[in-house]
Amino acid sequence: MSAFVSDPGLDGVRDAAGHGTEVDVAVHLHDGTVRLAILWTQEILLSADDADQVAQALQRAAEQGRRITVARPPNRPTSA
């Protein structure tokens, strides 16, 4: 089971060139790190609307990561 939780708001975001490439933004529930993944290739071409959705997802993930980091007790080891 992954400790990362993906943003469901990006389920419909796909490569504008039609290659089937997907993007994923996820937050690690234990240490608050944010993962940005481009699946199936090294790059993704996004429409302006999809790029805005990704930016908003990253902002949501950053805020959630900050909350996790603040809530974590000091000196607690993190694990993946």
C-alpha atoms as a PDB file:
ATOM      1  CA  MET A   1       0.000   0.000   0.000  1.00  0.00           C
ATOM      2  CA  SER A   2       1.389   3.366  -1.026  1.00  0.00           C
ATOM      3  CA  ALA A   3       1.762   6.177   1.463  1.00  0.00           C
ATOM      4  CA  PHE A   4       1.133   8.635  -1.388  1.00  0.00           C
ATOM      5  CA  VAL A   5      -2.360   9.970  -2.051  1.00  0.00           C
ATOM      6  CA  SER A   6      -3.027  11.324  -5.549  1.00  0.00           C
ATOM      7  CA  ASP A   7      -5.119  14.376  -6.330  1.00  0.00           C
ATOM      8  CA  PRO A   8      -8.367  13.076  -7.862  1.00  0.00           C
ATOM      9  CA  GLY A   9      -8.893  16.392  -9.655  1.00  0.00           C
ATOM     10  CA  LEU A  10      -6.313  15.372 -12.252  1.00  0.00           C
ATOM     11  CA  ASP A  11      -8.007  12.166 -13.394  1.00  0.00           C
ATOM     12  CA  GLY A  12      -9.021  13.708 -16.719  1.00  0.00           C
ATOM     13  CA  VAL A  13      -5.745  15.511 -17.506  1.00  0.00           C
ATOM     14  CA  ARG A  14      -4.065  13.973 -20.554  1.00  0.00           C
ATOM     15  CA  ASP A  15      -1.402  14.981 -23.050  1.00  0.00           C
ATOM     16  CA  ALA A  16      -2.779  17.568 -25.492  1.00  0.00           C
ATOM     17  CA  ALA A  17      -0.904  15.832 -28.316  1.00  0.00           C
ATOM     18  CA  GLY A  18      -2.992  12.693 -27.813  1.00  0.00           C
ATOM     19  CA  HIS A  19      -0.169  10.380 -26.707  1.00  0.00           C
ATOM     20  CA  GLY A  20      -2.027   9.165 -23.617  1.00  0.00           C
ATOM     21  CA  THR A  21       0.503  10.702 -21.223  1.00  0.00           C
ATOM     22  CA  GLU A  22      -0.844  11.404 -17.753  1.00  0.00           C
ATOM     23  CA  VAL A  23       0.229  13.645 -14.905  1.00  0.00           C
ATOM     24  CA  ASP A  24      -0.070  12.848 -11.201  1.00  0.00           C
ATOM     25  CA  VAL A  25       0.324  15.049  -8.130  1.00  0.00           C
ATOM     26  CA  ALA A  26       0.413  13.203  -4.814  1.00  0.00           C
ATOM     27  CA  VAL A  27       1.256  13.873  -1.159  1.00  0.00           C
ATOM     28  CA  HIS A  28       3.146  11.430   1.067  1.00  0.00           C
ATOM     29  CA  LEU A  29       0.961  11.003   4.147  1.00  0.00           C
ATOM     30  CA  HIS A  30       3.868  10.347   6.520  1.00  0.00           C
ATOM     31  CA  ASP A  31       6.361  13.076   5.674  1.00  0.00           C
ATOM     32  CA  GLY A  32       4.369  15.600   3.608  1.00  0.00           C
ATOM     33  CA  THR A  33       6.551  15.463   0.505  1.00  0.00           C
ATOM     34  CA  VAL A  34       4.863  16.249  -2.809  1.00  0.00           C
ATOM     35  CA  ARG A  35       5.346  14.008  -5.839  1.00  0.00           C
ATOM     36  CA  LEU A  36       4.833  15.292  -9.373  1.00  0.00           C
ATOM     37  CA  ALA A  37       4.856  12.388 -11.834  1.00  0.00           C
ATOM     38  CA  ILE A  38       4.578  12.407 -15.607  1.00  0.00           C
ATOM     39  CA  LEU A  39       3.491   8.920 -16.551  1.00  0.00           C
ATOM     40  CA  TRP A  40       4.473   7.008 -19.695  1.00  0.00           C
ATOM     41  CA  THR A  41       7.026   9.574 -21.007  1.00  0.00           C
ATOM     42  CA  GLN A  42       9.484  12.285 -19.975  1.00  0.00           C
ATOM     43  CA  GLU A  43       7.290  15.244 -20.899  1.00  0.00           C
ATOM     44  CA  ILE A  44       3.661  16.221 -21.274  1.00  0.00           C
ATOM     45  CA  LEU A  45       2.025  18.874 -23.426  1.00  0.00           C
ATOM     46  CA  LEU A  46      -0.919  20.447 -21.599  1.00  0.00           C
ATOM     47  CA  SER A  47      -3.727  22.702 -22.721  1.00  0.00           C
ATOM     48  CA  ALA A  48      -3.937  25.968 -20.793  1.00  0.00           C
ATOM     49  CA  ASP A  49      -6.890  24.658 -18.781  1.00  0.00           C
ATOM     50  CA  ASP A  50      -5.100  21.421 -17.895  1.00  0.00           C
ATOM     51  CA  ALA A  51      -1.942  23.338 -16.938  1.00  0.00           C
ATOM     52  CA  ASP A  52      -4.072  25.437 -14.594  1.00  0.00           C
ATOM     53  CA  GLN A  53      -5.515  22.253 -13.039  1.00  0.00           C
ATOM     54  CA  VAL A  54      -2.004  20.878 -12.452  1.00  0.00           C
ATOM     55  CA  ALA A  55      -0.880  24.158 -10.880  1.00  0.00           C
ATOM     56  CA  GLN A  56      -3.881  24.139  -8.555  1.00  0.00           C
ATOM     57  CA  ALA A  57      -3.238  20.502  -7.634  1.00  0.00           C
ATOM     58  CA  LEU A  58       0.370  21.351  -6.756  1.00  0.00           C
ATOM     59  CA  GLN A  59      -0.819  24.215  -4.553  1.00  0.00           C
ATOM     60  CA  ARG A  60      -3.292  21.927  -2.768  1.00  0.00           C
ATOM     61  CA  ALA A  61      -0.575  19.301  -2.299  1.00  0.00           C
ATOM     62  CA  ALA A  62       1.872  21.874  -0.929  1.00  0.00           C
ATOM     63  CA  GLU A  63      -0.681  23.043   1.627  1.00  0.00           C
ATOM     64  CA  GLN A  64      -1.511  19.474   2.644  1.00  0.00           C
ATOM     65  CA  GLY A  65       2.211  18.690   2.911  1.00  0.00           C
ATOM     66  CA  ARG A  66       2.707  21.692   5.193  1.00  0.00           C
ATOM     67  CA  ARG A  67      -0.134  20.517   7.446  1.00  0.00           C
ATOM     68  CA  ILE A  68       1.386  17.033   7.655  1.00  0.00           C
ATOM     69  CA  THR A  69       4.833  18.439   8.445  1.00  0.00           C
ATOM     70  CA  VAL A  70       3.473  20.695  11.197  1.00  0.00           C
ATOM     71  CA  ALA A  71       1.440  17.847  12.712  1.00  0.00           C
ATOM     72  CA  ARG A  72       4.374  15.416  12.750  1.00  0.00           C
ATOM     73  CA  PRO A  73       6.126  15.169  16.136  1.00  0.00           C
ATOM     74  CA  PRO A  74       9.783  16.287  16.142  1.00  0.00           C
ATOM     75  CA  ASN A  75      12.532  13.668  15.746  1.00  0.00           C
ATOM     76  CA  ARG A  76      10.129  11.167  14.198  1.00  0.00           C
ATOM     77  CA  PRO A  77      11.882   9.227  11.442  1.00  0.00           C
ATOM     78  CA  THR A  78      10.220   9.188   8.029  1.00  0.00           C
ATOM     79  CA  SER A  79       9.923   6.153   5.833  1.00  0.00           C
ATOM     80  CA  ALA A  80       8.682   5.588   2.297  1.00  0.00           C
END
